[in-house]
Protein backbone atom coordinates (compact mmCIF):
# COMPACT_ATOMS: atom_id res chain seq x y z
CA MET A 1 -13.43 24.66 -13.28
CA GLN A 2 -10.14 24.44 -14.40
CA LEU A 3 -7.16 22.79 -12.16
CA THR A 4 -3.56 24.56 -11.85
CA GLN A 5 -0.80 23.04 -12.25
CA LYS A 6 0.23 22.50 -8.34
CA HIS A 7 -2.96 20.72 -8.30
CA GLN A 8 -2.43 17.81 -11.73
CA GLU A 9 1.14 17.65 -9.46
CA TYR A 10 -0.53 17.26 -6.51
CA TRP A 11 -3.33 14.69 -7.99
CA ARG A 12 -0.54 12.88 -10.08
CA LYS A 13 1.92 12.01 -7.30
CA ASN A 14 -1.26 10.96 -5.76
CA LEU A 15 -2.32 8.38 -8.69
CA VAL A 16 0.83 6.83 -8.93
CA TYR A 17 1.40 6.37 -4.97
CA THR A 18 -2.16 4.38 -4.92
CA GLY A 19 -1.42 2.89 -8.17
CA ILE A 20 1.98 1.02 -6.23
CA LEU A 21 -0.02 0.76 -3.17
CA LEU A 22 -2.20 -1.28 -5.53
CA PHE A 23 -0.29 -3.02 -7.44
CA VAL A 24 1.51 -4.55 -4.26
CA TRP A 25 -2.02 -5.30 -3.00
CA PHE A 26 -1.77 -7.14 -6.28
CA LEU A 27 1.02 -8.99 -5.50
CA VAL A 28 -0.73 -10.57 -1.87
CA THR A 29 -4.00 -11.04 -2.74
CA PHE A 30 -4.31 -12.63 -5.55
CA VAL A 31 -0.67 -13.24 -6.76
CA GLU A 32 0.11 -15.45 -3.19
CA ALA A 33 -2.43 -16.78 -3.24
CA TRP A 34 -1.63 -18.46 -7.43
CA TYR A 35 1.44 -19.64 -5.70
CA ALA A 36 0.60 -21.30 -2.59
CA ARG A 37 1.30 -24.95 -3.08
CA GLU A 38 4.79 -23.55 -4.16
CA LEU A 39 4.98 -21.29 -1.42
CA ASN A 40 4.60 -24.46 0.79
CA GLY A 41 7.32 -25.47 0.05
CA ILE A 42 8.70 -22.88 2.49
CA THR A 43 8.29 -22.93 5.53
CA PHE A 44 8.04 -19.42 8.07
CA LEU A 45 8.26 -19.53 11.69
CA GLY A 46 7.84 -23.41 10.88
CA PHE A 47 4.39 -23.09 8.83
CA PRO A 48 4.57 -22.90 5.09
CA LEU A 49 5.12 -19.95 3.49
CA GLY A 50 1.87 -20.13 1.93
CA PHE A 51 0.00 -21.18 4.78
CA TYR A 52 1.40 -17.83 7.23
CA MET A 53 1.23 -15.80 4.59
CA SER A 54 -3.07 -16.58 4.47
CA ALA A 55 -3.43 -16.48 7.79
CA GLN A 56 -1.50 -14.05 8.81
CA GLY A 57 1.17 -11.90 6.50
CA SER A 58 -1.55 -10.70 4.11
CA LEU A 59 -3.32 -8.60 6.72
CA ALA A 60 -0.07 -7.21 8.31
CA ILE A 61 1.31 -5.37 5.35
CA TYR A 62 -2.51 -4.30 4.58
CA VAL A 63 -2.06 -2.74 7.39
CA ALA A 64 0.91 -1.48 6.99
CA ILE A 65 -0.35 -0.46 3.51
CA ILE A 66 -2.65 1.69 5.00
CA GLY A 67 0.26 2.80 7.23
CA ILE A 68 3.00 4.00 4.19
CA TYR A 69 -0.17 4.74 1.65
CA ALA A 70 -0.72 7.89 5.29
CA ILE A 71 3.25 8.60 5.18
CA LEU A 72 3.00 9.93 2.13
CA MET A 73 0.26 11.80 2.38
CA ARG A 74 0.78 13.72 4.82
CA LYS A 75 3.73 13.80 3.44
CA LEU A 76 2.54 15.61 -0.14
CA ASP A 77 -0.04 17.87 1.12
CA LEU A 78 2.94 19.59 3.80
CA GLU A 79 4.64 19.27 0.00
CA TYR A 80 1.91 21.12 -1.61
CA ASN A 81 0.53 23.29 1.39
CA VAL A 82 -2.87 21.24 1.62
CA ASP A 83 -2.82 20.08 4.97
CA GLU A 84 -5.61 20.53 7.34
CA GLY A 85 -3.79 21.09 10.54
CA GLU A 86 -3.05 18.90 14.02
CA GLY A 87 -7.09 20.05 15.07
CA GLU A 88 -6.34 23.80 14.85
């Protein structure tokens, strides 16, 4: 099946969004853990930042990533008229 130009644009934008959000995930998951000792010199809400990010902060960011992806994909679906609707 040959994809139209519109389909290719849709998937390119989808991959860009996914790539950016996966990069943020990588930073929060691996880079934060790599620099945890250095981050512990900074306090956030009374806790060392490295500990806070490992215990709570990264989980909040993961949930935010999911929400941002859902919002971006909803807008993209509406823009390219591939929205499935609201339970119609």
